[in-house]
Amino acid sequence: MFKNILVAVDGSQGAQKALGVAVGLQSSCGADLLVLTVYRHHSLLEASMSMVRPDDPSPPDESMRDHAREIAEQAKEFASRAGAETVRAFVKIGQPARTIVKFAEEHDVDVIVVGSRGLGDVEGFLLGSVSHKITSLADCPVLVV
C-alpha cells in the first residue's frame, strides 16, 4: 500500500502520538519511515524573545538546529525501539508546512502523518495550524492524529 511514510515531529505530545501511529502503519505495510523535524529561521524580534536555552550562548538558528536534530534522533530511536525496520531522520529549516510538503514531494512520500497540535507559535494561532496547512498543500494523503 505505502512505500514511503513521512512523519513530522516537533517534540510535542501530538507529534509523539503521530510517530506511534506512523510506526504502526509502517509495520503493517513494510514501508520506509521518514522522520522530519523542521525549524524556523528566527528574526531579530523572535531571537530577543526566544525560548532558546539560556545556558547556550550560540545564535538562535544554531540552537534551534541542534534542538531539531535532538528531536529527530530521539524520534528515530523511539521508532526503532517500537519495531520500525527502516527509519531515517531528517532536519530542515523553513516554514514548517511548506517545508514538510516540499520534502514529501522530493522523497515520493505516499502519506504524511502529523499531530493535530504541535508546539506551535503565535503565527499558528493567527494563521492556522501547521497540520491544517499541510492538508491544504499536500498532493498525497495526510493523516492528522
N, C-alpha and C. Protein backbone atom coordinates (compact mmCIF):
# COMPACT_ATOMS: atom_id res chain seq x y z
N MET A 1 0.82 -1.19 0.00
CA MET A 1 0.00 0.00 0.00
C MET A 1 0.87 1.26 0.00
N PHE A 2 1.67 1.46 1.04
CA PHE A 2 2.56 2.61 1.11
C PHE A 2 4.01 2.16 1.00
N LYS A 3 4.82 2.94 0.30
CA LYS A 3 6.24 2.67 0.21
C LYS A 3 7.05 3.62 1.08
N ASN A 4 6.60 4.87 1.20
CA ASN A 4 7.28 5.88 2.00
C ASN A 4 6.28 6.62 2.86
N ILE A 5 6.51 6.59 4.16
CA ILE A 5 5.66 7.30 5.12
C ILE A 5 6.49 8.39 5.76
N LEU A 6 5.96 9.60 5.75
CA LEU A 6 6.63 10.73 6.38
C LEU A 6 5.89 11.10 7.65
N VAL A 7 6.62 11.19 8.75
CA VAL A 7 6.04 11.70 9.99
C VAL A 7 6.83 12.93 10.40
N ALA A 8 6.09 14.03 10.61
CA ALA A 8 6.71 15.28 11.03
C ALA A 8 6.64 15.37 12.55
N VAL A 9 7.79 15.63 13.17
CA VAL A 9 7.84 15.69 14.63
C VAL A 9 8.46 17.01 15.09
N ASP A 10 7.95 17.51 16.21
CA ASP A 10 8.48 18.75 16.78
C ASP A 10 8.72 18.65 18.28
N GLY A 11 8.64 17.45 18.81
CA GLY A 11 8.87 17.26 20.24
C GLY A 11 7.62 17.37 21.09
N SER A 12 6.48 17.66 20.49
CA SER A 12 5.23 17.81 21.22
C SER A 12 4.58 16.46 21.47
N GLN A 13 3.58 16.45 22.36
CA GLN A 13 2.84 15.22 22.62
C GLN A 13 2.07 14.77 21.38
N GLY A 14 1.54 15.74 20.64
CA GLY A 14 0.83 15.40 19.40
C GLY A 14 1.74 14.73 18.39
N ALA A 15 2.96 15.20 18.30
CA ALA A 15 3.93 14.60 17.38
C ALA A 15 4.31 13.20 17.84
N GLN A 16 4.41 13.00 19.14
CA GLN A 16 4.73 11.68 19.67
C GLN A 16 3.62 10.68 19.33
N LYS A 17 2.37 11.12 19.44
CA LYS A 17 1.24 10.25 19.06
C LYS A 17 1.29 9.94 17.57
N ALA A 18 1.58 10.96 16.77
CA ALA A 18 1.67 10.76 15.32
C ALA A 18 2.78 9.77 14.99
N LEU A 19 3.89 9.86 15.70
CA LEU A 19 5.00 8.95 15.48
C LEU A 19 4.59 7.51 15.79
N GLY A 20 3.87 7.31 16.88
CA GLY A 20 3.39 5.97 17.22
C GLY A 20 2.47 5.41 16.14
N VAL A 21 1.58 6.23 15.63
CA VAL A 21 0.68 5.79 14.56
C VAL A 21 1.47 5.48 13.29
N ALA A 22 2.45 6.32 12.97
CA ALA A 22 3.27 6.10 11.77
C ALA A 22 4.05 4.80 11.87
N VAL A 23 4.58 4.49 13.06
CA VAL A 23 5.32 3.24 13.25
C VAL A 23 4.38 2.05 13.05
N GLY A 24 3.17 2.12 13.59
CA GLY A 24 2.19 1.05 13.40
C GLY A 24 1.82 0.89 11.93
N LEU A 25 1.63 1.98 11.24
CA LEU A 25 1.32 1.95 9.82
C LEU A 25 2.47 1.36 9.03
N GLN A 26 3.68 1.76 9.38
CA GLN A 26 4.87 1.27 8.70
C GLN A 26 5.01 -0.23 8.88
N SER A 27 4.78 -0.71 10.09
CA SER A 27 4.95 -2.14 10.35
C SER A 27 3.89 -2.97 9.64
N SER A 28 2.72 -2.39 9.38
CA SER A 28 1.66 -3.15 8.71
C SER A 28 1.84 -3.23 7.20
N CYS A 29 2.65 -2.31 6.63
CA CYS A 29 2.80 -2.34 5.17
C CYS A 29 4.26 -2.40 4.71
N GLY A 30 5.20 -2.41 5.65
CA GLY A 30 6.61 -2.56 5.28
C GLY A 30 7.22 -1.38 4.57
N ALA A 31 6.67 -0.21 4.76
CA ALA A 31 7.18 1.00 4.10
C ALA A 31 8.42 1.52 4.80
N ASP A 32 9.12 2.42 4.13
CA ASP A 32 10.21 3.16 4.76
C ASP A 32 9.57 4.28 5.57
N LEU A 33 10.11 4.54 6.75
CA LEU A 33 9.61 5.60 7.61
C LEU A 33 10.61 6.75 7.60
N LEU A 34 10.15 7.92 7.21
CA LEU A 34 10.97 9.12 7.18
C LEU A 34 10.49 10.04 8.29
N VAL A 35 11.40 10.41 9.18
CA VAL A 35 11.09 11.31 10.28
C VAL A 35 11.68 12.67 9.93
N LEU A 36 10.86 13.71 10.00
CA LEU A 36 11.31 15.05 9.64
C LEU A 36 11.01 16.05 10.76
N THR A 37 12.02 16.81 11.12
CA THR A 37 11.85 17.92 12.04
C THR A 37 12.22 19.19 11.30
N VAL A 38 11.35 20.18 11.37
CA VAL A 38 11.57 21.46 10.69
C VAL A 38 11.69 22.55 11.74
N TYR A 39 12.72 23.36 11.60
CA TYR A 39 12.84 24.52 12.48
C TYR A 39 12.83 25.78 11.64
N ARG A 40 12.38 26.86 12.23
CA ARG A 40 12.25 28.12 11.51
C ARG A 40 13.43 29.04 11.79
N HIS A 41 13.74 29.86 10.81
CA HIS A 41 14.72 30.94 10.99
C HIS A 41 14.11 31.95 11.95
N HIS A 42 14.90 32.44 12.89
CA HIS A 42 14.42 33.43 13.85
C HIS A 42 14.78 34.84 13.40
N SER A 43 13.79 35.70 13.41
CA SER A 43 14.05 37.12 13.15
C SER A 43 14.69 37.72 14.40
N LEU A 44 15.15 38.94 14.32
CA LEU A 44 15.76 39.59 15.48
C LEU A 44 14.76 39.73 16.62
N LEU A 45 13.51 40.03 16.31
CA LEU A 45 12.49 40.15 17.35
C LEU A 45 12.26 38.81 18.03
N GLU A 46 12.11 37.76 17.23
CA GLU A 46 11.91 36.43 17.80
C GLU A 46 13.13 36.00 18.60
N ALA A 47 14.31 36.33 18.14
CA ALA A 47 15.51 35.96 18.86
C ALA A 47 15.56 36.62 20.23
N SER A 48 15.06 37.86 20.31
CA SER A 48 15.09 38.55 21.60
C SER A 48 14.09 37.95 22.58
N MET A 49 13.04 37.31 22.07
CA MET A 49 12.04 36.69 22.94
C MET A 49 12.12 35.17 22.88
N SER A 50 13.20 34.66 22.35
CA SER A 50 13.34 33.25 22.08
C SER A 50 13.30 32.39 23.33
N MET A 51 12.86 31.16 23.14
CA MET A 51 12.87 30.18 24.23
C MET A 51 14.10 29.30 24.13
N VAL A 52 15.14 29.84 23.47
CA VAL A 52 16.39 29.11 23.33
C VAL A 52 17.01 28.94 24.71
N ARG A 53 17.70 27.85 24.91
CA ARG A 53 18.31 27.55 26.20
C ARG A 53 19.17 28.72 26.69
N PRO A 54 18.90 29.23 27.91
CA PRO A 54 19.66 30.38 28.40
C PRO A 54 21.12 30.08 28.67
N ASP A 55 21.47 28.83 28.90
CA ASP A 55 22.86 28.49 29.16
C ASP A 55 23.66 28.28 27.88
N ASP A 56 23.02 28.40 26.73
CA ASP A 56 23.67 28.20 25.45
C ASP A 56 23.74 29.53 24.71
N PRO A 57 24.93 30.15 24.64
CA PRO A 57 25.04 31.47 24.04
C PRO A 57 25.09 31.48 22.51
N SER A 58 24.98 30.34 21.85
CA SER A 58 25.07 30.32 20.39
C SER A 58 23.86 31.02 19.77
N PRO A 59 24.00 31.48 18.54
CA PRO A 59 22.90 32.17 17.85
C PRO A 59 21.64 31.30 17.82
N PRO A 60 20.46 31.92 17.83
CA PRO A 60 19.20 31.16 17.88
C PRO A 60 19.07 30.11 16.78
N ASP A 61 19.48 30.43 15.54
CA ASP A 61 19.34 29.44 14.47
C ASP A 61 20.17 28.19 14.75
N GLU A 62 21.38 28.38 15.26
CA GLU A 62 22.22 27.22 15.59
C GLU A 62 21.61 26.40 16.72
N SER A 63 21.11 27.08 17.72
CA SER A 63 20.48 26.38 18.85
C SER A 63 19.24 25.63 18.39
N MET A 64 18.44 26.28 17.54
CA MET A 64 17.23 25.64 17.03
C MET A 64 17.58 24.43 16.17
N ARG A 65 18.61 24.55 15.35
CA ARG A 65 19.05 23.42 14.52
C ARG A 65 19.49 22.26 15.39
N ASP A 66 20.30 22.55 16.40
CA ASP A 66 20.77 21.49 17.30
C ASP A 66 19.61 20.83 18.04
N HIS A 67 18.67 21.65 18.48
CA HIS A 67 17.50 21.11 19.17
C HIS A 67 16.66 20.25 18.22
N ALA A 68 16.51 20.70 16.98
CA ALA A 68 15.76 19.93 15.98
C ALA A 68 16.44 18.59 15.71
N ARG A 69 17.77 18.58 15.67
CA ARG A 69 18.50 17.32 15.48
C ARG A 69 18.24 16.36 16.63
N GLU A 70 18.24 16.89 17.86
CA GLU A 70 17.95 16.05 19.03
C GLU A 70 16.55 15.43 18.93
N ILE A 71 15.57 16.25 18.55
CA ILE A 71 14.19 15.77 18.42
C ILE A 71 14.11 14.68 17.35
N ALA A 72 14.73 14.92 16.19
CA ALA A 72 14.70 13.94 15.10
C ALA A 72 15.37 12.63 15.51
N GLU A 73 16.50 12.71 16.17
CA GLU A 73 17.22 11.50 16.59
C GLU A 73 16.44 10.74 17.66
N GLN A 74 15.83 11.47 18.60
CA GLN A 74 15.01 10.80 19.62
C GLN A 74 13.82 10.10 18.98
N ALA A 75 13.22 10.74 18.00
CA ALA A 75 12.09 10.13 17.30
C ALA A 75 12.54 8.88 16.54
N LYS A 76 13.69 8.96 15.90
CA LYS A 76 14.23 7.80 15.18
C LYS A 76 14.50 6.65 16.14
N GLU A 77 15.10 6.94 17.28
CA GLU A 77 15.36 5.90 18.28
C GLU A 77 14.07 5.29 18.80
N PHE A 78 13.07 6.13 19.08
CA PHE A 78 11.78 5.64 19.54
C PHE A 78 11.16 4.70 18.50
N ALA A 79 11.19 5.13 17.24
CA ALA A 79 10.60 4.32 16.17
C ALA A 79 11.33 2.98 16.05
N SER A 80 12.64 3.00 16.14
CA SER A 80 13.41 1.75 16.05
C SER A 80 13.07 0.82 17.21
N ARG A 81 13.00 1.37 18.42
CA ARG A 81 12.65 0.54 19.59
C ARG A 81 11.22 0.00 19.49
N ALA A 82 10.34 0.75 18.82
CA ALA A 82 8.95 0.34 18.68
C ALA A 82 8.75 -0.66 17.54
N GLY A 83 9.82 -0.98 16.83
CA GLY A 83 9.72 -2.01 15.80
C GLY A 83 9.84 -1.53 14.37
N ALA A 84 10.05 -0.25 14.15
CA ALA A 84 10.23 0.23 12.78
C ALA A 84 11.51 -0.35 12.20
N GLU A 85 11.41 -0.95 11.04
CA GLU A 85 12.58 -1.60 10.45
C GLU A 85 13.46 -0.63 9.69
N THR A 86 12.87 0.19 8.86
CA THR A 86 13.64 1.16 8.08
C THR A 86 13.17 2.55 8.46
N VAL A 87 14.01 3.27 9.18
CA VAL A 87 13.66 4.62 9.62
C VAL A 87 14.87 5.54 9.42
N ARG A 88 14.61 6.70 8.81
CA ARG A 88 15.64 7.70 8.59
C ARG A 88 15.14 9.04 9.14
N ALA A 89 16.04 9.81 9.72
CA ALA A 89 15.69 11.11 10.30
C ALA A 89 16.31 12.24 9.51
N PHE A 90 15.56 13.33 9.36
CA PHE A 90 16.00 14.49 8.61
C PHE A 90 15.66 15.76 9.39
N VAL A 91 16.45 16.81 9.16
CA VAL A 91 16.21 18.13 9.75
C VAL A 91 16.28 19.15 8.63
N LYS A 92 15.29 20.03 8.57
CA LYS A 92 15.25 21.09 7.55
C LYS A 92 14.92 22.41 8.22
N ILE A 93 15.34 23.49 7.59
CA ILE A 93 14.97 24.83 8.03
C ILE A 93 13.94 25.39 7.06
N GLY A 94 12.96 26.10 7.59
CA GLY A 94 11.97 26.73 6.72
C GLY A 94 10.63 26.87 7.40
N GLN A 95 9.68 27.35 6.65
CA GLN A 95 8.31 27.45 7.15
C GLN A 95 7.79 26.03 7.25
N PRO A 96 7.33 25.58 8.42
CA PRO A 96 7.06 24.16 8.64
C PRO A 96 6.15 23.49 7.61
N ALA A 97 4.96 24.00 7.38
CA ALA A 97 4.03 23.30 6.49
C ALA A 97 4.58 23.19 5.07
N ARG A 98 5.06 24.27 4.53
CA ARG A 98 5.60 24.24 3.16
C ARG A 98 6.84 23.35 3.05
N THR A 99 7.67 23.38 4.06
CA THR A 99 8.88 22.55 4.05
C THR A 99 8.53 21.08 4.13
N ILE A 100 7.56 20.73 4.94
CA ILE A 100 7.12 19.34 5.05
C ILE A 100 6.54 18.85 3.73
N VAL A 101 5.70 19.65 3.11
CA VAL A 101 5.08 19.26 1.84
C VAL A 101 6.14 19.15 0.74
N LYS A 102 7.06 20.09 0.68
CA LYS A 102 8.13 20.03 -0.32
C LYS A 102 8.99 18.78 -0.13
N PHE A 103 9.32 18.49 1.13
CA PHE A 103 10.10 17.29 1.44
C PHE A 103 9.34 16.04 0.99
N ALA A 104 8.05 16.00 1.23
CA ALA A 104 7.23 14.86 0.83
C ALA A 104 7.26 14.67 -0.68
N GLU A 105 7.18 15.76 -1.41
CA GLU A 105 7.23 15.68 -2.87
C GLU A 105 8.59 15.19 -3.35
N GLU A 106 9.67 15.70 -2.75
CA GLU A 106 11.02 15.33 -3.15
C GLU A 106 11.35 13.87 -2.84
N HIS A 107 10.70 13.30 -1.84
CA HIS A 107 11.01 11.94 -1.41
C HIS A 107 9.90 10.94 -1.78
N ASP A 108 9.03 11.33 -2.70
CA ASP A 108 7.98 10.44 -3.20
C ASP A 108 7.21 9.79 -2.05
N VAL A 109 6.76 10.61 -1.11
CA VAL A 109 6.04 10.13 0.07
C VAL A 109 4.61 9.79 -0.31
N ASP A 110 4.12 8.67 0.21
CA ASP A 110 2.75 8.22 -0.06
C ASP A 110 1.74 8.77 0.93
N VAL A 111 2.18 9.04 2.16
CA VAL A 111 1.29 9.58 3.19
C VAL A 111 2.13 10.38 4.20
N ILE A 112 1.57 11.49 4.65
CA ILE A 112 2.20 12.31 5.68
C ILE A 112 1.40 12.13 6.96
N VAL A 113 2.09 11.85 8.06
CA VAL A 113 1.43 11.71 9.36
C VAL A 113 1.90 12.86 10.24
N VAL A 114 0.93 13.61 10.81
CA VAL A 114 1.25 14.74 11.67
C VAL A 114 0.31 14.76 12.87
N GLY A 115 0.78 15.37 13.93
CA GLY A 115 -0.07 15.58 15.09
C GLY A 115 -1.02 16.74 14.84
N SER A 116 -2.19 16.68 15.47
CA SER A 116 -3.17 17.76 15.26
C SER A 116 -2.73 19.05 15.93
N ARG A 117 -1.95 18.92 16.99
CA ARG A 117 -1.43 20.09 17.70
C ARG A 117 0.04 19.88 17.97
N GLY A 118 0.85 20.84 17.58
CA GLY A 118 2.28 20.77 17.86
C GLY A 118 2.65 21.81 18.89
N LEU A 119 3.92 22.16 18.88
CA LEU A 119 4.38 23.19 19.81
C LEU A 119 3.84 24.56 19.42
N GLY A 120 3.67 24.78 18.12
CA GLY A 120 3.04 26.00 17.62
C GLY A 120 3.76 27.28 18.00
N ASP A 121 3.15 28.39 17.61
CA ASP A 121 3.68 29.71 17.90
C ASP A 121 2.54 30.70 17.72
N VAL A 122 2.84 31.95 17.90
CA VAL A 122 1.82 32.99 17.75
C VAL A 122 1.24 32.97 16.35
N GLU A 123 2.08 32.74 15.35
CA GLU A 123 1.61 32.69 13.97
C GLU A 123 0.56 31.60 13.79
N GLY A 124 0.76 30.47 14.46
CA GLY A 124 -0.19 29.38 14.35
C GLY A 124 -1.57 29.76 14.86
N PHE A 125 -1.62 30.53 15.93
CA PHE A 125 -2.90 30.98 16.45
C PHE A 125 -3.58 31.94 15.50
N LEU A 126 -2.80 32.76 14.81
CA LEU A 126 -3.37 33.77 13.92
C LEU A 126 -3.69 33.22 12.54
N LEU A 127 -2.85 32.35 12.02
CA LEU A 127 -3.00 31.92 10.63
C LEU A 127 -3.42 30.48 10.45
N GLY A 128 -3.56 29.72 11.49
CA GLY A 128 -3.97 28.33 11.38
C GLY A 128 -2.83 27.40 11.68
N SER A 129 -3.16 26.18 12.04
CA SER A 129 -2.15 25.22 12.47
C SER A 129 -1.36 24.67 11.29
N VAL A 130 -0.19 24.14 11.62
CA VAL A 130 0.66 23.51 10.61
C VAL A 130 -0.06 22.33 9.97
N SER A 131 -0.71 21.51 10.79
CA SER A 131 -1.41 20.34 10.24
C SER A 131 -2.50 20.76 9.26
N HIS A 132 -3.21 21.82 9.56
CA HIS A 132 -4.25 22.30 8.65
C HIS A 132 -3.64 22.77 7.34
N LYS A 133 -2.53 23.48 7.41
CA LYS A 133 -1.86 23.96 6.19
C LYS A 133 -1.36 22.79 5.35
N ILE A 134 -0.82 21.78 6.01
CA ILE A 134 -0.32 20.61 5.27
C ILE A 134 -1.45 19.95 4.51
N THR A 135 -2.61 19.80 5.15
CA THR A 135 -3.73 19.14 4.47
C THR A 135 -4.18 19.92 3.25
N SER A 136 -4.01 21.23 3.27
CA SER A 136 -4.43 22.01 2.11
C SER A 136 -3.36 22.09 1.02
N LEU A 137 -2.09 21.86 1.37
CA LEU A 137 -1.00 21.98 0.41
C LEU A 137 -0.55 20.65 -0.22
N ALA A 138 -0.71 19.57 0.51
CA ALA A 138 -0.14 18.28 0.08
C ALA A 138 -0.95 17.63 -1.03
N ASP A 139 -0.24 17.00 -1.95
CA ASP A 139 -0.88 16.23 -3.02
C ASP A 139 -1.16 14.80 -2.59
N CYS A 140 -0.47 14.34 -1.54
CA CYS A 140 -0.67 12.98 -1.05
C CYS A 140 -1.60 13.01 0.16
N PRO A 141 -2.12 11.86 0.58
CA PRO A 141 -2.96 11.83 1.79
C PRO A 141 -2.19 12.31 3.01
N VAL A 142 -2.93 12.93 3.93
CA VAL A 142 -2.36 13.41 5.19
C VAL A 142 -3.21 12.82 6.31
N LEU A 143 -2.54 12.15 7.23
CA LEU A 143 -3.21 11.57 8.39
C LEU A 143 -2.90 12.46 9.59
N VAL A 144 -3.93 13.13 10.10
CA VAL A 144 -3.77 14.01 11.26
C VAL A 144 -4.22 13.24 12.49
N VAL A 145 -3.27 13.10 13.43
CA VAL A 145 -3.53 12.30 14.63
C VAL A 145 -3.83 13.23 15.79
